[in-house]
C-alpha atoms as a PDB file:
ATOM      1  CA  MET A   1     184.409  98.692  57.256  1.00  0.00           C
ATOM      2  CA  LYS A   2     184.475 100.479  54.036  1.00  0.00           C
ATOM      3  CA  SER A   3     182.738 103.827  55.226  1.00  0.00           C
ATOM      4  CA  LEU A   4     181.966 105.531  58.349  1.00  0.00           C
ATOM      5  CA  GLU A   5     179.002 107.352  56.418  1.00  0.00           C
ATOM      6  CA  ASN A   6     175.631 107.246  59.112  1.00  0.00           C
ATOM      7  CA  LYS A   7     177.618 104.687  61.832  1.00  0.00           C
ATOM      8  CA  ARG A   8     177.157 105.074  65.435  1.00  0.00           C
ATOM      9  CA  VAL A   9     180.616 105.334  66.959  1.00  0.00           C
ATOM     10  CA  LEU A  10     180.601 104.887  71.064  1.00  0.00           C
ATOM     11  CA  ILE A  11     183.634 106.340  72.476  1.00  0.00           C
ATOM     12  CA  THR A  12     185.022 105.996  76.175  1.00  0.00           C
ATOM     13  CA  GLY A  13     186.706 108.383  77.803  1.00  0.00           C
ATOM     14  CA  ALA A  14     185.849 110.759  75.443  1.00  0.00           C
ATOM     15  CA  ALA A  15     186.095 114.092  77.229  1.00  0.00           C
ATOM     16  CA  ARG A  16     189.844 114.964  76.002  1.00  0.00           C
ATOM     17  CA  GLY A  17     192.800 113.588  74.538  1.00  0.00           C
ATOM     18  CA  MET A  18     192.949 110.469  72.622  1.00  0.00           C
ATOM     19  CA  GLY A  19     189.300 110.282  73.106  1.00  0.00           C
ATOM     20  CA  LEU A  20     188.270 113.721  71.823  1.00  0.00           C
ATOM     21  CA  ALA A  21     190.922 113.661  68.953  1.00  0.00           C
ATOM     22  CA  ILE A  22     189.296 109.551  67.831  1.00  0.00           C
ATOM     23  CA  ALA A  23     185.858 111.178  68.335  1.00  0.00           C
ATOM     24  CA  ARG A  24     186.836 114.178  66.251  1.00  0.00           C
ATOM     25  CA  GLU A  25     188.410 111.814  62.770  1.00  0.00           C
ATOM     26  CA  MET A  26     185.123 109.447  63.310  1.00  0.00           C
ATOM     27  CA  ALA A  27     182.944 112.841  62.870  1.00  0.00           C
ATOM     28  CA  ARG A  28     184.876 113.891  59.955  1.00  0.00           C
ATOM     29  CA  GLY A  29     184.048 110.480  58.405  1.00  0.00           C
ATOM     30  CA  GLY A  30     180.671 110.862  58.602  1.00  0.00           C
ATOM     31  CA  ALA A  31     179.987 109.102  61.895  1.00  0.00           C
ATOM     32  CA  GLU A  32     177.538 109.990  64.683  1.00  0.00           C
ATOM     33  CA  VAL A  33     180.022 110.107  67.718  1.00  0.00           C
ATOM     34  CA  LEU A  34     178.289 108.870  71.188  1.00  0.00           C
ATOM     35  CA  LEU A  35     180.721 110.487  73.676  1.00  0.00           C
ATOM     36  CA  VAL A  36     180.999 108.853  77.299  1.00  0.00           C
ATOM     37  CA  ASP A  37     183.324 109.972  79.990  1.00  0.00           C
ATOM     38  CA  LEU A  38     183.483 110.044  83.850  1.00  0.00           C
ATOM     39  CA  ASP A  39     183.866 113.718  84.044  1.00  0.00           C
ATOM     40  CA  GLU A  40     180.193 114.767  82.640  1.00  0.00           C
ATOM     41  CA  GLY A  41     180.984 118.400  82.423  1.00  0.00           C
ATOM     42  CA  ALA A  42     184.062 118.183  80.546  1.00  0.00           C
ATOM     43  CA  VAL A  43     182.375 115.705  77.827  1.00  0.00           C
ATOM     44  CA  GLU A  44     179.437 118.053  77.613  1.00  0.00           C
ATOM     45  CA  GLU A  45     181.813 120.583  76.982  1.00  0.00           C
ATOM     46  CA  THR A  46     183.371 118.280  74.173  1.00  0.00           C
ATOM     47  CA  ARG A  47     179.883 117.404  73.005  1.00  0.00           C
ATOM     48  CA  LYS A  48     179.302 121.545  72.407  1.00  0.00           C
ATOM     49  CA  THR A  49     182.640 122.077  70.686  1.00  0.00           C
ATOM     50  CA  LEU A  50     182.267 118.832  68.486  1.00  0.00           C
ATOM     51  CA  THR A  51     178.833 120.062  67.805  1.00  0.00           C
ATOM     52  CA  ALA A  52     179.848 124.004  66.721  1.00  0.00           C
ATOM     53  CA  GLU A  53     182.355 122.227  64.353  1.00  0.00           C
ATOM     54  CA  GLY A  54     179.377 120.849  62.321  1.00  0.00           C
ATOM     55  CA  TYR A  55     179.710 117.055  64.048  1.00  0.00           C
ATOM     56  CA  PRO A  56     176.339 115.140  65.362  1.00  0.00           C
ATOM     57  CA  CYS A  57     177.332 114.194  68.671  1.00  0.00           C
ATOM     58  CA  ARG A  58     175.704 112.947  71.898  1.00  0.00           C
ATOM     59  CA  ALA A  59     177.598 112.778  75.293  1.00  0.00           C
ATOM     60  CA  HIS A  60     176.673 111.057  78.599  1.00  0.00           C
ATOM     61  CA  GLY A  61     178.421 110.310  81.806  1.00  0.00           C
ATOM     62  CA  LEU A  62     179.325 107.009  82.437  1.00  0.00           C
ATOM     63  CA  ASP A  63     181.888 105.413  85.149  1.00  0.00           C
ATOM     64  CA  VAL A  64     183.056 102.235  82.982  1.00  0.00           C
ATOM     65  CA  THR A  65     183.657  99.976  86.360  1.00  0.00           C
ATOM     66  CA  ASP A  66     180.139 100.227  87.204  1.00  0.00           C
ATOM     67  CA  MET A  67     178.335  97.471  85.163  1.00  0.00           C
ATOM     68  CA  ALA A  68     174.746  98.559  86.314  1.00  0.00           C
ATOM     69  CA  ALA A  69     175.352 102.130  84.372  1.00  0.00           C
ATOM     70  CA  ILE A  70     176.848 100.551  81.617  1.00  0.00           C
ATOM     71  CA  LEU A  71     173.835  98.463  80.825  1.00  0.00           C
ATOM     72  CA  ALA A  72     171.983 101.380  81.525  1.00  0.00           C
ATOM     73  CA  LEU A  73     173.469 103.461  79.003  1.00  0.00           C
ATOM     74  CA  ARG A  74     173.044 100.810  76.798  1.00  0.00           C
ATOM     75  CA  GLU A  75     169.354 101.079  77.174  1.00  0.00           C
ATOM     76  CA  ARG A  76     169.140 104.823  76.681  1.00  0.00           C
ATOM     77  CA  LEU A  77     171.087 104.534  73.480  1.00  0.00           C
ATOM     78  CA  HIS A  78     169.348 101.884  71.763  1.00  0.00           C
ATOM     79  CA  ALA A  79     166.171 104.339  72.618  1.00  0.00           C
ATOM     80  CA  GLU A  80     167.517 107.003  71.061  1.00  0.00           C
ATOM     81  CA  GLY A  81     168.761 105.805  68.234  1.00  0.00           C
ATOM     82  CA  GLY A  82     169.356 101.800  67.992  1.00  0.00           C
ATOM     83  CA  ARG A  83     172.227  99.778  68.129  1.00  0.00           C
ATOM     84  CA  ILE A  84     175.780 100.952  67.737  1.00  0.00           C
ATOM     85  CA  ASP A  85     178.455  99.959  64.904  1.00  0.00           C
ATOM     86  CA  VAL A  86     181.587 100.384  66.350  1.00  0.00           C
ATOM     87  CA  LEU A  87     182.988 100.670  70.181  1.00  0.00           C
ATOM     88  CA  VAL A  88     186.333 102.192  71.145  1.00  0.00           C
ATOM     89  CA  ASN A  89     187.461 101.088  74.370  1.00  0.00           C
ATOM     90  CA  ASN A  90     189.614 104.349  75.000  1.00  0.00           C
ATOM     91  CA  ALA A  91     188.744 105.129  78.679  1.00  0.00           C
ATOM     92  CA  GLY A  92     192.225 104.516  80.859  1.00  0.00           C
ATOM     93  CA  VAL A  93     194.544 105.708  83.825  1.00  0.00           C
ATOM     94  CA  VAL A  94     198.165 105.558  84.396  1.00  0.00           C
ATOM     95  CA  PHE A  95     200.024 106.090  87.847  1.00  0.00           C
ATOM     96  CA  GLY A  96     203.834 106.158  87.502  1.00  0.00           C
ATOM     97  CA  GLY A  97     206.094 105.363  90.573  1.00  0.00           C
ATOM     98  CA  PRO A  98     207.965 102.596  92.385  1.00  0.00           C
ATOM     99  CA  PHE A  99     205.290  99.792  93.143  1.00  0.00           C
ATOM    100  CA  LEU A 100     205.777  99.754  96.752  1.00  0.00           C
ATOM    101  CA  GLU A 101     205.706 103.299  96.824  1.00  0.00           C
ATOM    102  CA  MET A 102     202.333 103.654  95.092  1.00  0.00           C
ATOM    103  CA  PRO A 103     198.855 103.503  96.943  1.00  0.00           C
ATOM    104  CA  LEU A 104     197.583  99.723  96.255  1.00  0.00           C
ATOM    105  CA  GLU A 105     194.426 101.065  95.472  1.00  0.00           C
ATOM    106  CA  ARG A 106     196.141 103.078  92.476  1.00  0.00           C
ATOM    107  CA  HIS A 107     197.444  99.458  91.142  1.00  0.00           C
ATOM    108  CA  LEU A 108     193.297  98.452  91.674  1.00  0.00           C
ATOM    109  CA  LEU A 109     192.183 101.269  90.036  1.00  0.00           C
ATOM    110  CA  THR A 110     194.081 101.064  87.236  1.00  0.00           C
ATOM    111  CA  TYR A 111     193.025  97.455  86.388  1.00  0.00           C
ATOM    112  CA  ARG A 112     189.434  98.327  87.107  1.00  0.00           C
ATOM    113  CA  VAL A 113     189.519 100.900  84.688  1.00  0.00           C
ATOM    114  CA  ASN A 114     191.494  99.514  82.173  1.00  0.00           C
ATOM    115  CA  VAL A 115     190.979  95.714  81.885  1.00  0.00           C
ATOM    116  CA  ASP A 116     187.729  95.270  83.888  1.00  0.00           C
ATOM    117  CA  GLY A 117     186.116  98.502  82.282  1.00  0.00           C
ATOM    118  CA  LEU A 118     187.110  97.537  78.900  1.00  0.00           C
ATOM    119  CA  VAL A 119     185.887  93.703  79.565  1.00  0.00           C
ATOM    120  CA  ALA A 120     182.533  95.086  80.414  1.00  0.00           C
ATOM    121  CA  MET A 121     181.691  97.693  78.119  1.00  0.00           C
ATOM    122  CA  THR A 122     182.453  95.031  75.158  1.00  0.00           C
ATOM    123  CA  HIS A 123     180.177  92.373  76.894  1.00  0.00           C
ATOM    124  CA  ALA A 124     177.562  95.062  77.126  1.00  0.00           C
ATOM    125  CA  PHE A 125     177.957  95.808  73.272  1.00  0.00           C
ATOM    126  CA  LEU A 126     179.469  93.206  71.454  1.00  0.00           C
ATOM    127  CA  GLY A 127     176.312  91.729  70.486  1.00  0.00           C
ATOM    128  CA  ASP A 128     175.629  95.133  68.872  1.00  0.00           C
ATOM    129  CA  LEU A 129     178.527  95.047  66.433  1.00  0.00           C
ATOM    130  CA  ILE A 130     177.558  91.044  65.934  1.00  0.00           C
ATOM    131  CA  ASP A 131     173.922  92.487  64.821  1.00  0.00           C
ATOM    132  CA  ALA A 132     175.544  95.077  62.499  1.00  0.00           C
ATOM    133  CA  PRO A 133     176.331  94.628  59.095  1.00  0.00           C
ATOM    134  CA  GLU A 134     179.600  95.912  59.458  1.00  0.00           C
ATOM    135  CA  GLY A 135     180.559  96.056  62.833  1.00  0.00           C
ATOM    136  CA  HIS A 136     184.094  97.018  64.572  1.00  0.00           C
ATOM    137  CA  LEU A 137     185.790  96.811  68.280  1.00  0.00           C
ATOM    138  CA  ILE A 138     188.762  99.078  68.900  1.00  0.00           C
ATOM    139  CA  ASN A 139     190.685  98.542  71.910  1.00  0.00           C
ATOM    140  CA  MET A 140     193.190 100.855  73.058  1.00  0.00           C
ATOM    141  CA  ALA A 141     196.231  99.284  74.897  1.00  0.00           C
ATOM    142  CA  SER A 142     200.161 100.293  74.475  1.00  0.00           C
ATOM    143  CA  ALA A 143     203.429  99.685  73.192  1.00  0.00           C
ATOM    144  CA  SER A 144     203.968  98.852  76.704  1.00  0.00           C
ATOM    145  CA  GLY A 145     201.768  95.854  76.394  1.00  0.00           C
ATOM    146  CA  PHE A 146     204.717  94.036  74.409  1.00  0.00           C
ATOM    147  CA  ILE A 147     207.850  94.884  76.804  1.00  0.00           C
ATOM    148  CA  GLY A 148     208.105  95.475  80.904  1.00  0.00           C
ATOM    149  CA  LEU A 149     207.496  98.813  82.065  1.00  0.00           C
ATOM    150  CA  PRO A 150     209.416  99.721  85.334  1.00  0.00           C
ATOM    151  CA  TRP A 151     207.970 102.572  87.367  1.00  0.00           C
ATOM    152  CA  GLY A 152     204.473 101.463  85.697  1.00  0.00           C
ATOM    153  CA  SER A 153     204.027  98.203  86.354  1.00  0.00           C
ATOM    154  CA  THR A 154     200.044  97.753  86.635  1.00  0.00           C
ATOM    155  CA  TYR A 155     199.817  99.934  83.920  1.00  0.00           C
ATOM    156  CA  ALA A 156     201.956  97.902  81.376  1.00  0.00           C
ATOM    157  CA  SER A 157     200.467  94.472  82.470  1.00  0.00           C
ATOM    158  CA  SER A 158     196.928  96.143  82.266  1.00  0.00           C
ATOM    159  CA  LYS A 159     197.612  96.526  78.261  1.00  0.00           C
ATOM    160  CA  TRP A 160     199.065  93.278  78.046  1.00  0.00           C
ATOM    161  CA  ALA A 161     195.847  91.945  79.252  1.00  0.00           C
ATOM    162  CA  VAL A 162     194.020  94.005  76.827  1.00  0.00           C
ATOM    163  CA  ILE A 163     196.636  92.599  74.115  1.00  0.00           C
ATOM    164  CA  GLY A 164     195.516  89.190  75.082  1.00  0.00           C
ATOM    165  CA  PHE A 165     191.520  89.772  75.431  1.00  0.00           C
ATOM    166  CA  SER A 166     191.420  91.517  71.915  1.00  0.00           C
ATOM    167  CA  GLU A 167     193.405  88.617  70.443  1.00  0.00           C
ATOM    168  CA  SER A 168     191.184  86.013  72.014  1.00  0.00           C
ATOM    169  CA  ILE A 169     187.992  87.953  71.193  1.00  0.00           C
ATOM    170  CA  ARG A 170     189.068  88.337  67.684  1.00  0.00           C
ATOM    171  CA  LEU A 171     189.443  84.580  67.073  1.00  0.00           C
ATOM    172  CA  GLU A 172     186.144  83.558  68.719  1.00  0.00           C
ATOM    173  CA  LEU A 173     184.439  85.845  66.701  1.00  0.00           C
ATOM    174  CA  GLU A 174     185.911  84.246  63.701  1.00  0.00           C
ATOM    175  CA  ARG A 175     185.211  80.727  64.935  1.00  0.00           C
ATOM    176  CA  LEU A 176     181.642  81.602  65.562  1.00  0.00           C
ATOM    177  CA  GLY A 177     181.195  82.809  62.129  1.00  0.00           C
ATOM    178  CA  HIS A 178     180.967  86.566  62.855  1.00  0.00           C
ATOM    179  CA  ARG A 179     183.819  87.733  60.697  1.00  0.00           C
ATOM    180  CA  HIS A 180     181.672  90.640  59.698  1.00  0.00           C
ATOM    181  CA  VAL A 181     183.123  92.126  63.010  1.00  0.00           C
ATOM    182  CA  GLY A 182     186.909  93.598  63.257  1.00  0.00           C
ATOM    183  CA  VAL A 183     188.947  93.738  65.975  1.00  0.00           C
ATOM    184  CA  THR A 184     191.834  96.371  66.360  1.00  0.00           C
ATOM    185  CA  THR A 185     194.065  96.471  69.177  1.00  0.00           C
ATOM    186  CA  VAL A 186     196.058 100.082  69.242  1.00  0.00           C
ATOM    187  CA  CYS A 187     199.582 100.052  70.795  1.00  0.00           C
ATOM    188  CA  PRO A 188     200.978 103.660  70.476  1.00  0.00           C
ATOM    189  CA  SER A 189     204.219 104.475  72.530  1.00  0.00           C
ATOM    190  CA  TYR A 190     203.307 107.646  74.444  1.00  0.00           C
ATOM    191  CA  VAL A 191     200.995 109.686  73.352  1.00  0.00           C
ATOM    192  CA  GLN A 192     200.693 113.819  74.002  1.00  0.00           C
ATOM    193  CA  THR A 193     197.480 113.831  76.058  1.00  0.00           C
ATOM    194  CA  GLY A 194     199.012 115.020  79.325  1.00  0.00           C
ATOM    195  CA  MET A 195     198.672 111.602  80.747  1.00  0.00           C
ATOM    196  CA  PHE A 196     202.159 110.891  80.618  1.00  0.00           C
ATOM    197  CA  GLU A 197     203.617 114.310  81.500  1.00  0.00           C
ATOM    198  CA  GLY A 198     207.087 114.147  82.421  1.00  0.00           C
ATOM    199  CA  VAL A 199     207.810 110.950  81.063  1.00  0.00           C
ATOM    200  CA  ARG A 200     211.336 110.438  78.689  1.00  0.00           C
ATOM    201  CA  PRO A 201     210.461 108.991  75.613  1.00  0.00           C
ATOM    202  CA  PRO A 202     212.556 106.044  74.668  1.00  0.00           C
ATOM    203  CA  LEU A 203     215.259 106.974  71.750  1.00  0.00           C
ATOM    204  CA  LEU A 204     213.479 106.137  68.081  1.00  0.00           C
ATOM    205  CA  THR A 205     210.209 106.517  69.698  1.00  0.00           C
ATOM    206  CA  PRO A 206     209.296 109.993  69.749  1.00  0.00           C
ATOM    207  CA  PHE A 207     206.083 111.493  71.466  1.00  0.00           C
ATOM    208  CA  LEU A 208     202.979 111.004  69.008  1.00  0.00           C
ATOM    209  CA  THR A 209     200.225 113.381  68.751  1.00  0.00           C
ATOM    210  CA  PRO A 210     196.256 111.935  69.244  1.00  0.00           C
ATOM    211  CA  GLU A 211     195.275 113.320  66.167  1.00  0.00           C
ATOM    212  CA  ALA A 212     197.990 111.401  64.208  1.00  0.00           C
ATOM    213  CA  VAL A 213     197.206 107.965  66.174  1.00  0.00           C
ATOM    214  CA  ALA A 214     193.284 108.715  65.416  1.00  0.00           C
ATOM    215  CA  ARG A 215     194.174 108.641  61.764  1.00  0.00           C
ATOM    216  CA  LYS A 216     195.780 105.546  62.241  1.00  0.00           C
ATOM    217  CA  ILE A 217     192.538 103.858  63.770  1.00  0.00           C
ATOM    218  CA  ARG A 218     190.350 105.501  61.368  1.00  0.00           C
ATOM    219  CA  ARG A 219     192.387 103.759  58.468  1.00  0.00           C
ATOM    220  CA  ALA A 220     192.397 100.533  60.728  1.00  0.00           C
ATOM    221  CA  ILE A 221     188.655 100.339  61.020  1.00  0.00           C
ATOM    222  CA  ARG A 222     188.423 100.901  56.887  1.00  0.00           C
ATOM    223  CA  PHE A 223     190.990  98.367  56.304  1.00  0.00           C
ATOM    224  CA  ARG A 224     190.436  95.928  59.571  1.00  0.00           C
ATOM    225  CA  ASP A 225     193.886  95.916  60.610  1.00  0.00           C
ATOM    226  CA  LEU A 226     194.671  93.739  63.170  1.00  0.00           C
ATOM    227  CA  TYR A 227     196.949  96.340  65.040  1.00  0.00           C
ATOM    228  CA  VAL A 228     197.830  99.796  65.202  1.00  0.00           C
ATOM    229  CA  LEU A 229     201.877  99.854  65.871  1.00  0.00           C
ATOM    230  CA  GLU A 230     203.197 103.395  66.673  1.00  0.00           C
ATOM    231  CA  PRO A 231     205.638 104.755  65.681  1.00  0.00           C
ATOM    232  CA  TRP A 232     207.975 102.157  63.523  1.00  0.00           C
ATOM    233  CA  MET A 233     210.081 100.950  66.105  1.00  0.00           C
ATOM    234  CA  VAL A 234     206.831  99.384  67.957  1.00  0.00           C
ATOM    235  CA  LYS A 235     206.284  97.669  65.084  1.00  0.00           C
ATOM    236  CA  LEU A 236     210.059  96.063  65.863  1.00  0.00           C
ATOM    237  CA  THR A 237     209.053  95.324  69.152  1.00  0.00           C
ATOM    238  CA  PRO A 238     206.999  92.179  69.032  1.00  0.00           C
ATOM    239  CA  PHE A 239     209.313  89.902  66.507  1.00  0.00           C
ATOM    240  CA  LEU A 240     212.669  91.432  68.390  1.00  0.00           C
ATOM    241  CA  LYS A 241     210.716  90.093  72.113  1.00  0.00           C
ATOM    242  CA  GLY A 242     209.809  86.580  70.288  1.00  0.00           C
ATOM    243  CA  VAL A 243     213.567  86.124  68.493  1.00  0.00           C
ATOM    244  CA  LEU A 244     216.301  87.794  70.949  1.00  0.00           C
ATOM    245  CA  PRO A 245     216.990  86.206  74.505  1.00  0.00           C
ATOM    246  CA  THR A 246     215.705  88.201  77.155  1.00  0.00           C
ATOM    247  CA  PHE A 247     219.148  89.467  78.386  1.00  0.00           C
ATOM    248  CA  LEU A 248     219.196  91.087  74.923  1.00  0.00           C
ATOM    249  CA  THR A 249     215.924  92.780  74.957  1.00  0.00           C
ATOM    250  CA  ASP A 250     216.654  93.993  78.792  1.00  0.00           C
ATOM    251  CA  PHE A 251     219.716  95.588  77.376  1.00  0.00           C
ATOM    252  CA  LEU A 252     218.256  97.234  74.478  1.00  0.00           C
ATOM    253  CA  ALA A 253     215.310  98.580  76.460  1.00  0.00           C
ATOM    254  CA  ASP A 254     218.003  99.945  78.641  1.00  0.00           C
ATOM    255  CA  LEU A 255     220.219 101.300  75.877  1.00  0.00           C
ATOM    256  CA  LEU A 256     217.264 102.988  73.882  1.00  0.00           C
ATOM    257  CA  GLY A 257     215.952 104.120  77.404  1.00  0.00           C
ATOM    258  CA  ALA A 258     212.695 102.412  77.778  1.00  0.00           C
ATOM    259  CA  SER A 259     213.301 101.057  81.168  1.00  0.00           C
ATOM    260  CA  LYS A 260     213.996 104.303  82.882  1.00  0.00           C
ATOM    261  CA  SER A 261     211.052 106.599  80.658  1.00  0.00           C
ATOM    262  CA  MET A 262     208.640 106.541  83.761  1.00  0.00           C
ATOM    263  CA  GLU A 263     210.942 107.264  86.081  1.00  0.00           C
ATOM    264  CA  SER A 264     210.104 111.300  85.988  1.00  0.00           C
ATOM    265  CA  TRP A 265     206.461 110.672  85.269  1.00  0.00           C
ATOM    266  CA  GLN A 266     204.226 113.116  86.900  1.00  0.00           C
ATOM    267  CA  GLY A 267     201.004 112.805  85.310  1.00  0.00           C
ATOM    268  CA  ARG A 268     198.295 115.222  83.642  1.00  0.00           C
ATOM    269  CA  LYS A 269     198.231 118.257  85.772  1.00  0.00           C
ATOM    270  CA  PRO A 270     194.961 119.446  87.453  1.00  0.00           C
END
């Protein structure tokens, strides 16, 4: 996509953190940003903030696990301004702790938001991207989508699912002749959004800022990058997993602290 000028960009989980940073970066590129979040009050405050900064945007409350609500939103957005050009599936949740000590509902909620919600949003809006002269799908995954993550098993596995889904959709679009639709999977290490409060980032992978990741995403749209892998150590992870035996990758994960990073997870404070 050569330019975001006059493009309509729909961003889930846009009230704060990574979603807000992406919205601001897209708006700086000239896009109209459409903010959606489960927290209606917070996403409205975000809209006011961005509007005061001179960026055109709209805000809507949305539960990405509610397919009826997603379809109603699509109808509303089409009525207000037509199809969208870019979909950013950013909404996500994370819970840390030993698997059996966490309530089952937290594990299932992780899948409902991180996987089911992402798939539902894509199913509802992929037709818009195909109909656009240039369309782009951004799916937020994680570096943990390439490795096991003790104390974060369902979070990591939900991101494995996002990577597999994104790769499959990209290939399917190509086979169907929709090569004008780009697909980018974003796989950062820990980002300073509050969601990972208390974790200890592995060696060589310091906390990332939302703004830095958002800039990489904007660049990925422009150059149709398949992945955003940050920081540099994450770029090596798929290769190392592919060529090293399991006992060595397990050893490296322990040595660098990746296997223990979620032990001290606290999460976003109220």
